[in-house]
Amino acid sequence: MKLRGLCAGLCLALLSLALAAPASASGGAQASIVGGSTASNEEWPWAAFILAADKKGEGFSCSGSVIAPNLVLTAGHCVEDIVTGRKTPLPQYVVVTGSSDVRDASLRQISKVRRAILYPNFNRFKVHGDAALLELKTPTTAPALALATETDAPLLEANTPTWIAGWGLFGPLRKLKRTPVLRRAATFVQQRIYCRNHARVYYPFFNYSSQLCTITPPGFSIGTCHGDSGGPALAFREDGTPVQIGITSLGAADCDTHLPDIFTRVDRIYPWIAEQIAATTAG
């Protein structure tokens, strides 16, 4: 653990409240992995659990990825409510890194948030540019995840095997439940016309230039759910390097795995991310 004293006690209390809270979420953060399985620390060492809650335990949880010792990449709507435009107060954030099981006191690293950096082109009305960075007060020792750049375009082609992960709801669709353990699943990138046509049922603003979508045929039993927002979508370069190509952004309100999940394209926002990493590293 990184925090001590009263703050550490409060953080742990909020974590307990989050895991015991009902499935609904506030703050617009709506999207663990349905149909997935438990992920290990070795598989997903860069995963980050994000909780935003007041002293009453009211709030929401998101997922994210470590991209620098003091930066976690997540969804923009985990910072700014897409309905009201209200930004989450910084003191309400608690970020857990270093452990796929947030209950594991021997591995987890807990940090408060110094600053929330919203992607400047985030459009909360169309949920475009859905990305943000959380600057940690206490740097994590968790490794940083590689990020897609414009040279990774082949990883965005249809049928590319993709891994998704998060701490959201999981289980059979009619019996969704919370999990304190990270879950992950394999899925596939889809053609842009498929994304636009099939996501239209719940989201009419799909934009291939800034978004991608995934679905998992032939069983259609895999997908994101409430609490997975901000989590990474991974693909693998030819040399085997895992690279984040997407940020979990949107999914059907009922977590229907027969409809595609929408992700913010990391390659499109990489220049901005690189600037922020350089700026925070420089102090």
Protein backbone atom coordinates (compact mmCIF):
# COMPACT_ATOMS: atom_id res chain seq x y z
CA MET A 1 0.00 0.00 0.00
CA LYS A 2 1.16 3.48 -0.81
CA LEU A 3 -1.11 5.45 1.54
CA ARG A 4 -1.06 5.52 5.32
CA GLY A 5 -3.11 6.84 8.23
CA LEU A 6 -6.58 8.34 7.85
CA CYS A 7 -6.42 8.62 4.06
CA ALA A 8 -5.59 4.93 3.71
CA GLY A 9 -8.52 4.02 5.94
CA LEU A 10 -10.89 6.15 3.93
CA CYS A 11 -9.65 4.67 0.65
CA LEU A 12 -10.20 1.12 1.88
CA ALA A 13 -13.63 2.01 3.22
CA LEU A 14 -14.63 3.43 -0.16
CA LEU A 15 -13.34 0.34 -1.94
CA SER A 16 -15.45 -1.84 0.33
CA LEU A 17 -18.50 0.31 -0.35
CA ALA A 18 -17.92 0.13 -4.09
CA LEU A 19 -17.80 -3.66 -4.10
CA ALA A 20 -20.90 -3.91 -1.93
CA ALA A 21 -22.91 -1.28 -3.81
CA PRO A 22 -25.76 -2.11 -6.20
CA ALA A 23 -25.08 -2.53 -9.90
CA SER A 24 -26.23 0.94 -10.95
CA ALA A 25 -23.67 3.69 -11.51
CA SER A 26 -23.77 7.46 -11.59
CA GLY A 27 -21.63 10.12 -13.23
CA GLY A 28 -22.33 8.77 -16.72
CA ALA A 29 -19.69 6.04 -16.31
CA GLN A 30 -21.60 3.13 -17.82
CA ALA A 31 -19.68 0.58 -19.54
CA SER A 32 -16.47 -6.51 -15.85
CA ILE A 33 -16.45 -8.33 -18.84
CA VAL A 34 -19.53 -10.42 -19.68
CA GLY A 35 -18.58 -13.95 -20.71
CA GLY A 36 -14.95 -13.48 -19.76
CA SER A 37 -12.65 -15.09 -17.21
CA THR A 38 -10.36 -14.03 -14.38
CA ALA A 39 -7.18 -12.18 -15.41
CA SER A 40 -3.88 -12.65 -13.59
CA ASN A 41 -1.39 -9.99 -12.52
CA GLU A 42 1.14 -11.45 -14.94
CA GLU A 43 -1.26 -11.09 -17.89
CA TRP A 44 -2.49 -7.58 -17.10
CA PRO A 45 0.10 -5.87 -14.86
CA TRP A 46 -0.80 -2.41 -16.20
CA ALA A 47 -4.54 -2.58 -15.36
CA ALA A 48 -5.96 0.11 -13.05
CA PHE A 49 -9.17 0.11 -11.00
CA ILE A 50 -10.73 3.56 -10.58
CA LEU A 51 -13.27 4.47 -7.92
CA ALA A 52 -14.97 7.83 -7.59
CA ALA A 53 -17.18 8.00 -4.50
CA ASP A 54 -18.19 10.44 -1.79
CA LYS A 55 -18.15 9.65 1.93
CA LYS A 56 -21.59 8.03 1.62
CA GLY A 57 -20.22 5.61 -0.96
CA GLU A 58 -22.27 7.13 -3.77
CA GLY A 59 -20.46 7.33 -7.10
CA PHE A 60 -19.15 5.05 -9.81
CA SER A 61 -16.21 2.86 -10.80
CA CYS A 62 -14.21 2.71 -14.00
CA SER A 63 -11.22 0.82 -15.35
CA GLY A 64 -8.03 2.13 -16.88
CA SER A 65 -4.44 1.37 -17.86
CA VAL A 66 -1.08 2.54 -16.53
CA ILE A 67 0.83 4.39 -19.27
CA ALA A 68 3.47 6.08 -17.08
CA PRO A 69 4.41 5.82 -13.40
CA ASN A 70 2.05 8.66 -12.52
CA LEU A 71 -0.53 8.50 -15.35
CA VAL A 72 -3.56 6.29 -15.89
CA LEU A 73 -5.47 6.38 -19.17
CA THR A 74 -9.26 6.06 -18.93
CA ALA A 75 -12.47 7.29 -20.55
CA GLY A 76 -13.42 10.95 -20.67
CA HIS A 77 -16.85 10.19 -19.26
CA CYS A 78 -15.13 8.83 -16.14
CA VAL A 79 -14.05 12.43 -15.55
CA GLU A 80 -16.94 14.48 -16.94
CA ASP A 81 -20.61 13.49 -16.72
CA ILE A 82 -21.97 13.21 -20.27
CA VAL A 83 -25.43 14.39 -19.14
CA THR A 84 -24.65 17.31 -16.82
CA GLY A 85 -21.10 18.20 -17.82
CA ARG A 86 -20.12 18.06 -14.14
CA LYS A 87 -16.53 17.05 -13.46
CA THR A 88 -15.85 14.54 -10.69
CA PRO A 89 -14.18 16.23 -7.68
CA LEU A 90 -10.57 15.09 -7.43
CA PRO A 91 -10.77 14.11 -3.72
CA GLN A 92 -13.37 11.48 -4.62
CA TYR A 93 -10.97 9.43 -6.76
CA VAL A 94 -9.10 6.36 -5.54
CA VAL A 95 -6.93 4.41 -8.02
CA VAL A 96 -5.70 0.87 -7.39
CA THR A 97 -2.81 -0.52 -9.43
CA GLY A 98 -0.44 -3.45 -9.15
CA SER A 99 -3.04 -6.14 -8.44
CA SER A 100 -5.79 -7.74 -10.50
CA ASP A 101 -7.61 -8.36 -7.19
CA VAL A 102 -8.29 -5.05 -5.43
CA ARG A 103 -8.62 -6.92 -2.12
CA ASP A 104 -5.00 -8.12 -2.20
CA ALA A 105 -3.26 -5.87 0.32
CA SER A 106 0.12 -7.50 -0.38
CA LEU A 107 0.20 -6.33 -4.01
CA ARG A 108 -2.18 -3.42 -4.51
CA GLN A 109 -0.94 0.15 -4.65
CA ILE A 110 -3.49 2.81 -3.74
CA SER A 111 -3.22 6.41 -4.82
CA LYS A 112 -5.31 9.53 -4.77
CA VAL A 113 -5.48 11.74 -7.87
CA ARG A 114 -3.58 15.00 -8.25
CA ARG A 115 -5.13 16.05 -11.54
CA ALA A 116 -7.68 14.88 -14.10
CA ILE A 117 -6.77 15.79 -17.68
CA LEU A 118 -9.70 15.59 -20.09
CA TYR A 119 -8.94 15.08 -23.78
CA PRO A 120 -9.49 18.59 -25.24
CA ASN A 121 -11.66 17.32 -28.11
CA PHE A 122 -13.97 15.26 -25.88
CA ASN A 123 -17.56 15.78 -27.07
CA ARG A 124 -19.88 14.59 -24.30
CA PHE A 125 -22.97 14.95 -26.49
CA LYS A 126 -21.75 12.52 -29.16
CA VAL A 127 -19.20 10.82 -26.87
CA HIS A 128 -16.40 11.39 -29.36
CA GLY A 129 -12.82 11.73 -28.12
CA ASP A 130 -13.82 9.80 -25.00
CA ALA A 131 -10.48 9.84 -23.20
CA ALA A 132 -8.85 11.27 -20.10
CA LEU A 133 -5.75 10.92 -17.95
CA LEU A 134 -5.56 10.71 -14.17
CA GLU A 135 -2.32 11.98 -12.66
CA LEU A 136 -1.54 9.99 -9.52
CA LYS A 137 -0.30 11.65 -6.36
CA THR A 138 1.73 8.53 -5.60
CA PRO A 139 3.50 6.96 -8.63
CA THR A 140 2.87 3.28 -9.22
CA THR A 141 5.49 0.61 -9.86
CA ALA A 142 3.15 -1.17 -12.28
CA PRO A 143 4.61 -1.30 -15.82
CA ALA A 144 3.34 1.00 -18.53
CA LEU A 145 1.28 -0.39 -21.40
CA ALA A 146 2.43 0.34 -24.96
CA LEU A 147 0.05 2.58 -26.92
CA ALA A 148 -0.98 2.38 -30.56
CA THR A 149 0.36 5.01 -32.94
CA GLU A 150 -0.38 5.69 -36.60
CA THR A 151 2.07 2.92 -37.55
CA ASP A 152 -0.24 0.38 -35.89
CA ALA A 153 -3.02 0.80 -38.46
CA PRO A 154 -2.98 -2.94 -39.36
CA LEU A 155 -4.17 -3.72 -35.83
CA LEU A 156 -7.42 -1.87 -36.55
CA GLU A 157 -8.36 -4.04 -39.50
CA ALA A 158 -11.49 -6.20 -39.33
CA ASN A 159 -11.14 -9.58 -37.59
CA THR A 160 -8.05 -8.56 -35.62
CA PRO A 161 -8.04 -10.62 -32.37
CA THR A 162 -8.49 -8.20 -29.48
CA TRP A 163 -8.48 -8.59 -25.70
CA ILE A 164 -10.71 -6.51 -23.44
CA ALA A 165 -10.57 -6.27 -19.65
CA GLY A 166 -12.20 -4.47 -16.73
CA TRP A 167 -13.66 -4.59 -13.25
CA GLY A 168 -17.26 -4.16 -14.38
CA LEU A 169 -20.27 -6.43 -14.05
CA PHE A 170 -20.03 -10.00 -15.30
CA GLY A 171 -21.99 -13.23 -15.51
CA PRO A 172 -25.14 -14.30 -17.37
CA LEU A 173 -26.98 -11.24 -18.65
CA ARG A 174 -29.90 -11.78 -16.28
CA LYS A 175 -27.65 -12.32 -13.26
CA LEU A 176 -24.93 -9.71 -13.59
CA LYS A 177 -22.80 -9.15 -10.50
CA ARG A 178 -19.80 -7.15 -9.35
CA THR A 179 -16.28 -8.51 -9.12
CA PRO A 180 -13.24 -7.42 -7.09
CA VAL A 181 -11.05 -9.29 -9.58
CA LEU A 182 -10.12 -8.11 -13.07
CA ARG A 183 -11.75 -10.09 -15.87
CA ARG A 184 -10.73 -10.37 -19.51
CA ALA A 185 -11.98 -11.90 -22.75
CA ALA A 186 -11.05 -12.27 -26.41
CA THR A 187 -13.07 -10.56 -29.13
CA PHE A 188 -12.58 -9.17 -32.67
CA VAL A 189 -12.40 -5.79 -34.38
CA GLN A 190 -15.23 -5.29 -36.88
CA GLN A 191 -15.57 -3.49 -40.20
CA ARG A 192 -16.58 0.16 -39.89
CA ILE A 193 -19.85 -0.29 -41.78
CA TYR A 194 -20.77 -3.12 -39.41
CA CYS A 195 -20.01 -0.88 -36.43
CA ARG A 196 -22.09 1.97 -37.77
CA ASN A 197 -25.08 -0.16 -38.74
CA HIS A 198 -25.26 -2.43 -35.71
CA ALA A 199 -24.39 0.13 -33.03
CA ARG A 200 -27.15 2.40 -34.37
CA VAL A 201 -29.63 0.53 -32.19
CA TYR A 202 -28.28 2.38 -29.16
CA TYR A 203 -25.70 4.83 -30.55
CA PRO A 204 -26.23 6.79 -33.80
CA PHE A 205 -22.95 8.74 -33.75
CA PHE A 206 -20.33 6.12 -34.60
CA ASN A 207 -17.29 7.72 -36.25
CA TYR A 208 -14.64 5.38 -37.70
CA SER A 209 -12.03 8.13 -37.79
CA SER A 210 -12.00 8.23 -34.00
CA GLN A 211 -13.72 5.01 -32.88
CA LEU A 212 -13.59 1.25 -33.41
CA CYS A 213 -15.95 -1.53 -32.38
CA THR A 214 -15.71 -5.19 -31.43
CA ILE A 215 -18.05 -8.16 -31.19
CA THR A 216 -17.48 -11.89 -30.73
CA PRO A 217 -19.03 -14.26 -33.29
CA PRO A 218 -20.27 -16.90 -33.56
CA GLY A 219 -21.47 -17.21 -29.97
CA PHE A 220 -21.92 -13.47 -29.31
CA SER A 221 -21.42 -14.09 -25.58
CA ILE A 222 -18.56 -11.65 -24.91
CA GLY A 223 -18.80 -7.93 -24.19
CA THR A 224 -18.19 -5.02 -21.86
CA CYS A 225 -20.54 -3.93 -19.08
CA HIS A 226 -20.99 -1.28 -16.39
CA GLY A 227 -17.63 -0.58 -14.73
CA ASP A 228 -15.50 -1.51 -17.75
CA SER A 229 -15.50 2.07 -19.04
CA GLY A 230 -11.98 3.34 -19.59
CA GLY A 231 -10.45 -0.14 -19.71
CA PRO A 232 -8.06 -1.15 -22.48
CA ALA A 233 -8.66 -3.06 -25.71
CA LEU A 234 -5.41 -4.84 -26.61
CA ALA A 235 -3.97 -6.27 -29.80
CA PHE A 236 -0.52 -7.71 -30.49
CA ARG A 237 2.16 -6.41 -32.82
CA GLU A 238 4.07 -8.84 -35.02
CA ASP A 239 6.85 -9.08 -32.44
CA GLY A 240 4.31 -10.12 -29.79
CA THR A 241 4.19 -6.77 -27.97
CA PRO A 242 0.76 -6.08 -26.45
CA VAL A 243 -0.46 -2.63 -27.43
CA GLN A 244 -3.56 -0.70 -26.43
CA ILE A 245 -5.61 0.12 -29.50
CA GLY A 246 -8.81 1.25 -27.78
CA ILE A 247 -10.39 2.71 -24.64
CA THR A 248 -13.72 1.20 -23.60
CA SER A 249 -16.31 3.90 -24.24
CA LEU A 250 -19.82 2.67 -24.98
CA GLY A 251 -22.01 -0.42 -25.00
CA ALA A 252 -25.67 -1.34 -24.91
CA ALA A 253 -27.40 -0.17 -21.72
CA ASP A 254 -28.35 -3.75 -20.81
CA CYS A 255 -24.85 -5.06 -21.67
CA ASP A 256 -26.30 -7.03 -24.59
CA THR A 257 -23.36 -8.96 -26.08
CA HIS A 258 -25.17 -9.27 -29.43
CA LEU A 259 -24.52 -5.58 -30.03
CA PRO A 260 -21.02 -4.18 -30.66
CA ASP A 261 -18.95 -2.37 -28.03
CA ILE A 262 -17.47 1.02 -28.95
CA PHE A 263 -13.91 2.10 -28.16
CA THR A 264 -11.97 5.35 -28.55
CA ARG A 265 -9.10 4.84 -30.98
CA VAL A 266 -5.81 5.31 -29.15
CA ASP A 267 -3.79 5.94 -32.32
CA ARG A 268 -5.85 9.08 -32.98
CA ILE A 269 -5.14 10.62 -29.59
CA TYR A 270 -1.58 9.34 -29.17
CA PRO A 271 0.10 12.71 -29.94
CA TRP A 272 -1.88 14.31 -27.11
CA ILE A 273 -1.06 11.46 -24.73
CA ALA A 274 2.63 11.67 -25.59
CA GLU A 275 2.59 15.40 -24.82
CA GLN A 276 1.00 14.78 -21.43
CA ILE A 277 3.47 12.02 -20.55
CA ALA A 278 6.37 14.32 -21.43
CA ALA A 279 4.88 17.20 -19.46
CA THR A 280 4.21 15.23 -16.29
CA THR A 281 7.55 13.46 -16.46
CA ALA A 282 9.25 16.85 -16.70
CA GLY A 283 7.46 17.90 -13.51
